[in-house]
Amino acid sequence: MADLFSVTAPLLIRFPDASRDVMVDCLPHAGGLVYFRPFWDRMPLAEGVRFVAGEVRGEGPWKVGDSVVTVLGCRGTDPEQAAEYAEWQLYREQIGDNYPDKDVLLQFAREAGHFS
């Protein structure tokens, strides 16, 4: 499919404990990846900006350590997360050009303690 960090489709990460998060942005990290949850800018950074340890492998779906990243809503799955993403998209439309670019996202990830 593609390099995980160039995909523009909404993504979902599934953890070994079966929990899932929508990923609205993600950044490569030497030890894995850092991702941003929907409404990350309205919650404490530790909740909204998360780190997943492990080598990033695959071309879709991708593996990061023991977690799996897929395109959200493939084959009609994950309706709850798809609804969360739809709410996020509406929010993004409302804030328009005020959404941070990748450099600013990197700064937020640093503030959350994921980069030095």
C-alpha atoms as a PDB file:
ATOM      1  CA  MET A   1       0.000   0.000   0.000  1.00  0.00           C
ATOM      2  CA  ALA A   2       2.171   2.884   1.224  1.00  0.00           C
ATOM      3  CA  ASP A   3       4.546   4.261   3.774  1.00  0.00           C
ATOM      4  CA  LEU A   4       2.601   4.748   7.014  1.00  0.00           C
ATOM      5  CA  PHE A   5       3.753   8.346   7.411  1.00  0.00           C
ATOM      6  CA  SER A   6       2.577   9.425   3.966  1.00  0.00           C
ATOM      7  CA  VAL A   7      -0.942   7.964   4.137  1.00  0.00           C
ATOM      8  CA  THR A   8      -3.682  10.599   4.181  1.00  0.00           C
ATOM      9  CA  ALA A   9      -6.570   8.228   4.964  1.00  0.00           C
ATOM     10  CA  PRO A  10      -7.783   8.030   8.572  1.00  0.00           C
ATOM     11  CA  LEU A  11      -5.959   5.380  10.572  1.00  0.00           C
ATOM     12  CA  LEU A  12      -6.803   3.115  13.485  1.00  0.00           C
ATOM     13  CA  ILE A  13      -4.329   1.494  15.863  1.00  0.00           C
ATOM     14  CA  ARG A  14      -5.225  -1.751  17.643  1.00  0.00           C
ATOM     15  CA  PHE A  15      -3.263  -2.715  20.732  1.00  0.00           C
ATOM     16  CA  PRO A  16      -2.609  -6.233  22.052  1.00  0.00           C
ATOM     17  CA  ASP A  17      -5.231  -5.708  24.789  1.00  0.00           C
ATOM     18  CA  ALA A  18      -7.853  -5.114  22.014  1.00  0.00           C
ATOM     19  CA  SER A  19      -8.176  -1.390  22.756  1.00  0.00           C
ATOM     20  CA  ARG A  20      -8.172   0.935  19.740  1.00  0.00           C
ATOM     21  CA  ASP A  21      -7.476   4.566  18.981  1.00  0.00           C
ATOM     22  CA  VAL A  22      -8.129   6.685  15.935  1.00  0.00           C
ATOM     23  CA  MET A  23      -4.928   8.308  14.695  1.00  0.00           C
ATOM     24  CA  VAL A  24      -5.481  11.761  13.165  1.00  0.00           C
ATOM     25  CA  ASP A  25      -1.767  12.467  12.739  1.00  0.00           C
ATOM     26  CA  CYS A  26       1.383  10.452  13.273  1.00  0.00           C
ATOM     27  CA  LEU A  27       5.081  11.153  13.303  1.00  0.00           C
ATOM     28  CA  PRO A  28       8.025   8.791  12.936  1.00  0.00           C
ATOM     29  CA  HIS A  29      10.110   8.268  16.049  1.00  0.00           C
ATOM     30  CA  ALA A  30      13.465   6.474  16.342  1.00  0.00           C
ATOM     31  CA  GLY A  31      11.803   4.005  18.729  1.00  0.00           C
ATOM     32  CA  GLY A  32       8.409   3.647  17.021  1.00  0.00           C
ATOM     33  CA  LEU A  33       5.808   6.308  16.310  1.00  0.00           C
ATOM     34  CA  VAL A  34       3.993   9.179  17.967  1.00  0.00           C
ATOM     35  CA  TYR A  35       0.328   9.644  17.153  1.00  0.00           C
ATOM     36  CA  PHE A  36      -2.368  12.212  17.865  1.00  0.00           C
ATOM     37  CA  ARG A  37      -5.874  11.196  18.907  1.00  0.00           C
ATOM     38  CA  PRO A  38      -8.982  13.124  17.810  1.00  0.00           C
ATOM     39  CA  PHE A  39      -9.414  16.292  19.867  1.00  0.00           C
ATOM     40  CA  TRP A  40      -5.874  15.948  21.188  1.00  0.00           C
ATOM     41  CA  ASP A  41      -5.739  19.735  21.386  1.00  0.00           C
ATOM     42  CA  ARG A  42      -8.604  19.749  23.911  1.00  0.00           C
ATOM     43  CA  MET A  43      -7.125  17.215  26.344  1.00  0.00           C
ATOM     44  CA  PRO A  44      -3.960  16.890  28.400  1.00  0.00           C
ATOM     45  CA  LEU A  45      -1.011  16.181  26.087  1.00  0.00           C
ATOM     46  CA  ALA A  46      -0.325  12.843  27.809  1.00  0.00           C
ATOM     47  CA  GLU A  47      -3.793  11.660  26.765  1.00  0.00           C
ATOM     48  CA  GLY A  48      -3.936  13.188  23.317  1.00  0.00           C
ATOM     49  CA  VAL A  49      -0.385  12.613  22.074  1.00  0.00           C
ATOM     50  CA  ARG A  50       0.863   9.054  22.481  1.00  0.00           C
ATOM     51  CA  PHE A  51       3.979   7.025  21.785  1.00  0.00           C
ATOM     52  CA  VAL A  52       4.020   3.420  20.556  1.00  0.00           C
ATOM     53  CA  ALA A  53       7.325   1.568  20.857  1.00  0.00           C
ATOM     54  CA  GLY A  54       8.539  -0.865  18.248  1.00  0.00           C
ATOM     55  CA  GLU A  55       9.774  -1.143  14.713  1.00  0.00           C
ATOM     56  CA  VAL A  56       7.315   0.106  12.082  1.00  0.00           C
ATOM     57  CA  ARG A  57       6.835  -2.689   9.530  1.00  0.00           C
ATOM     58  CA  GLY A  58       4.601  -3.353   6.543  1.00  0.00           C
ATOM     59  CA  GLU A  59       2.893  -1.484   3.772  1.00  0.00           C
ATOM     60  CA  GLY A  60      -0.666  -1.572   5.094  1.00  0.00           C
ATOM     61  CA  PRO A  61      -1.665  -2.886   7.460  1.00  0.00           C
ATOM     62  CA  TRP A  62       1.384  -1.870   9.433  1.00  0.00           C
ATOM     63  CA  LYS A  63       2.793  -3.307  12.637  1.00  0.00           C
ATOM     64  CA  VAL A  64       4.379  -1.186  15.333  1.00  0.00           C
ATOM     65  CA  GLY A  65       5.743  -3.475  17.999  1.00  0.00           C
ATOM     66  CA  ASP A  66       2.776  -5.668  18.949  1.00  0.00           C
ATOM     67  CA  SER A  67       0.188  -3.156  17.701  1.00  0.00           C
ATOM     68  CA  VAL A  68      -1.450  -3.043  14.262  1.00  0.00           C
ATOM     69  CA  VAL A  69      -2.305   0.088  12.283  1.00  0.00           C
ATOM     70  CA  THR A  70      -4.991  -0.130   9.583  1.00  0.00           C
ATOM     71  CA  VAL A  71      -7.032   2.266   7.502  1.00  0.00           C
ATOM     72  CA  LEU A  72     -10.075   3.199   9.581  1.00  0.00           C
ATOM     73  CA  GLY A  73     -13.346   1.637   8.541  1.00  0.00           C
ATOM     74  CA  CYS A  74     -11.988  -0.923   6.120  1.00  0.00           C
ATOM     75  CA  ARG A  75     -14.834  -3.219   5.129  1.00  0.00           C
ATOM     76  CA  GLY A  76     -17.365  -1.414   7.369  1.00  0.00           C
ATOM     77  CA  THR A  77     -15.613  -2.238  10.616  1.00  0.00           C
ATOM     78  CA  ASP A  78     -15.195   0.046  13.624  1.00  0.00           C
ATOM     79  CA  PRO A  79     -18.361   2.166  13.353  1.00  0.00           C
ATOM     80  CA  GLU A  80     -17.743   3.812  16.744  1.00  0.00           C
ATOM     81  CA  GLN A  81     -14.290   4.962  15.728  1.00  0.00           C
ATOM     82  CA  ALA A  82     -15.554   6.036  12.300  1.00  0.00           C
ATOM     83  CA  ALA A  83     -18.139   8.260  14.041  1.00  0.00           C
ATOM     84  CA  GLU A  84     -15.405   9.717  16.261  1.00  0.00           C
ATOM     85  CA  TYR A  85     -13.346  10.490  13.174  1.00  0.00           C
ATOM     86  CA  ALA A  86     -16.356  12.133  11.467  1.00  0.00           C
ATOM     87  CA  GLU A  87     -16.784  14.408  14.511  1.00  0.00           C
ATOM     88  CA  TRP A  88     -13.080  15.235  14.322  1.00  0.00           C
ATOM     89  CA  GLN A  89     -13.387  16.135  10.629  1.00  0.00           C
ATOM     90  CA  LEU A  90     -16.257  18.510  11.411  1.00  0.00           C
ATOM     91  CA  TYR A  91     -14.147  20.102  14.150  1.00  0.00           C
ATOM     92  CA  ARG A  92     -11.209  20.452  11.732  1.00  0.00           C
ATOM     93  CA  GLU A  93     -13.452  22.209   9.223  1.00  0.00           C
ATOM     94  CA  GLN A  94     -14.505  24.649  11.931  1.00  0.00           C
ATOM     95  CA  ILE A  95     -10.940  25.567  12.923  1.00  0.00           C
ATOM     96  CA  GLY A  96      -9.836  25.745   9.285  1.00  0.00           C
ATOM     97  CA  ASP A  97      -6.324  26.994   8.661  1.00  0.00           C
ATOM     98  CA  ASN A  98      -5.607  27.254  12.388  1.00  0.00           C
ATOM     99  CA  TYR A  99      -4.641  23.546  12.547  1.00  0.00           C
ATOM    100  CA  PRO A 100      -0.927  23.114  13.229  1.00  0.00           C
ATOM    101  CA  ASP A 101       1.468  21.893  10.541  1.00  0.00           C
ATOM    102  CA  LYS A 102       3.900  18.977  11.039  1.00  0.00           C
ATOM    103  CA  ASP A 103       6.589  21.188  12.604  1.00  0.00           C
ATOM    104  CA  VAL A 104       4.165  22.445  15.238  1.00  0.00           C
ATOM    105  CA  LEU A 105       2.870  18.899  15.821  1.00  0.00           C
ATOM    106  CA  LEU A 106       6.467  17.846  16.445  1.00  0.00           C
ATOM    107  CA  GLN A 107       6.749  20.598  19.049  1.00  0.00           C
ATOM    108  CA  PHE A 108       3.601  19.320  20.807  1.00  0.00           C
ATOM    109  CA  ALA A 109       5.072  15.806  20.755  1.00  0.00           C
ATOM    110  CA  ARG A 110       8.232  17.208  22.370  1.00  0.00           C
ATOM    111  CA  GLU A 111       6.156  18.919  25.042  1.00  0.00           C
ATOM    112  CA  ALA A 112       4.439  15.590  25.701  1.00  0.00           C
ATOM    113  CA  GLY A 113       7.883  14.107  26.337  1.00  0.00           C
ATOM    114  CA  HIS A 114       8.157  11.939  23.227  1.00  0.00           C
ATOM    115  CA  PHE A 115      11.132  13.700  21.606  1.00  0.00           C
ATOM    116  CA  SER A 116      14.136  15.397  23.144  1.00  0.00           C
END
